[in-house]
C-alpha atoms as a PDB file:
ATOM      1  CA  UNK A   1      61.372  93.217 117.301  1.00  0.00           C
ATOM      2  CA  UNK A   2      63.210  90.966 115.442  1.00  0.00           C
ATOM      3  CA  UNK A   3      62.725  92.757 112.155  1.00  0.00           C
ATOM      4  CA  UNK A   4      63.428  96.167 113.616  1.00  0.00           C
ATOM      5  CA  UNK A   5      66.553  94.737 115.022  1.00  0.00           C
ATOM      6  CA  UNK A   6      67.585  93.308 111.503  1.00  0.00           C
ATOM      7  CA  UNK A   7      66.602  96.510 109.714  1.00  0.00           C
ATOM      8  CA  UNK A   8      68.840  98.664 112.112  1.00  0.00           C
ATOM      9  CA  UNK A   9      71.893  96.574 111.711  1.00  0.00           C
ATOM     10  CA  UNK A  10      71.382  95.194 108.271  1.00  0.00           C
ATOM     11  CA  UNK A  11      70.933  91.679 106.892  1.00  0.00           C
ATOM     12  CA  UNK A  12      74.464  90.813 106.047  1.00  0.00           C
ATOM     13  CA  UNK A  13      75.414  91.866 109.547  1.00  0.00           C
ATOM     14  CA  UNK A  14      72.728  89.908 110.956  1.00  0.00           C
ATOM     15  CA  UNK A  15      73.769  86.717 109.249  1.00  0.00           C
ATOM     16  CA  UNK A  16      77.289  87.288 110.309  1.00  0.00           C
ATOM     17  CA  UNK A  17      76.078  87.433 113.729  1.00  0.00           C
ATOM     18  CA  UNK A  18      74.282  84.450 113.169  1.00  0.00           C
ATOM     19  CA  UNK A  19      77.300  82.629 112.048  1.00  0.00           C
ATOM     20  CA  UNK A  20      79.312  83.558 114.811  1.00  0.00           C
ATOM     21  CA  UNK A  21      77.048  82.534 117.042  1.00  0.00           C
ATOM     22  CA  UNK A  22      76.944  78.878 115.484  1.00  0.00           C
ATOM     23  CA  UNK A  23      80.606  79.035 115.837  1.00  0.00           C
ATOM     24  CA  UNK A  24      80.324  79.535 119.201  1.00  0.00           C
ATOM     25  CA  UNK A  25      78.045  76.649 120.012  1.00  0.00           C
ATOM     26  CA  UNK A  26      79.989  74.218 117.692  1.00  0.00           C
ATOM     27  CA  UNK A  27      82.903  75.254 119.530  1.00  0.00           C
ATOM     28  CA  UNK A  28      81.432  74.175 122.847  1.00  0.00           C
ATOM     29  CA  UNK A  29      79.935  70.965 121.726  1.00  0.00           C
ATOM     30  CA  UNK A  30      83.527  69.841 120.497  1.00  0.00           C
ATOM     31  CA  UNK A  31      84.934  70.913 123.609  1.00  0.00           C
ATOM     32  CA  UNK A  32      82.441  69.102 125.739  1.00  0.00           C
ATOM     33  CA  UNK A  33      83.157  65.912 123.733  1.00  0.00           C
ATOM     34  CA  UNK A  34      86.926  66.026 124.455  1.00  0.00           C
ATOM     35  CA  UNK A  35      88.969  67.671 121.872  1.00  0.00           C
ATOM     36  CA  UNK A  36      89.918  70.692 123.863  1.00  0.00           C
ATOM     37  CA  UNK A  37      92.448  71.994 121.441  1.00  0.00           C
ATOM     38  CA  UNK A  38      90.142  71.756 118.405  1.00  0.00           C
ATOM     39  CA  UNK A  39      87.299  73.644 120.265  1.00  0.00           C
ATOM     40  CA  UNK A  40      89.665  76.623 121.252  1.00  0.00           C
ATOM     41  CA  UNK A  41      90.968  76.612 117.802  1.00  0.00           C
ATOM     42  CA  UNK A  42      87.416  76.928 116.358  1.00  0.00           C
ATOM     43  CA  UNK A  43      86.556  79.060 119.143  1.00  0.00           C
ATOM     44  CA  UNK A  44      89.001  82.020 118.023  1.00  0.00           C
ATOM     45  CA  UNK A  45      87.062  82.147 114.656  1.00  0.00           C
ATOM     46  CA  UNK A  46      84.604  84.005 116.383  1.00  0.00           C
ATOM     47  CA  UNK A  47      86.309  87.048 117.330  1.00  0.00           C
ATOM     48  CA  UNK A  48      88.466  87.238 114.326  1.00  0.00           C
ATOM     49  CA  UNK A  49      85.185  87.062 112.147  1.00  0.00           C
ATOM     50  CA  UNK A  50      83.736  89.983 114.478  1.00  0.00           C
ATOM     51  CA  UNK A  51      86.865  92.257 113.975  1.00  0.00           C
ATOM     52  CA  UNK A  52      86.823  91.930 110.473  1.00  0.00           C
ATOM     53  CA  UNK A  53      83.266  92.937 110.416  1.00  0.00           C
ATOM     54  CA  UNK A  54      84.532  96.062 112.691  1.00  0.00           C
ATOM     55  CA  UNK A  55      87.035  96.487 110.091  1.00  0.00           C
ATOM     56  CA  UNK A  56      84.895  96.489 106.988  1.00  0.00           C
ATOM     57  CA  UNK A  57      82.445  98.914 109.044  1.00  0.00           C
ATOM     58  CA  UNK A  58      84.697 101.558 109.677  1.00  0.00           C
ATOM     59  CA  UNK A  59      86.812 101.321 106.485  1.00  0.00           C
ATOM     60  CA  UNK A  60      85.970 104.126 104.253  1.00  0.00           C
END
């Protein structure tokens, strides 16, 4: 199942999705430790990376 998903979206996109997921997790950990502004700043990286991935995907 996972292999089929990776083949369908591509290896690089799968790696970028893992990076985005790890950014969200790190941001949640930082938020729960008390550095709320730093966590919000880091959390904004995830949609930025996803937007950049969409831009590169549809740019022809």
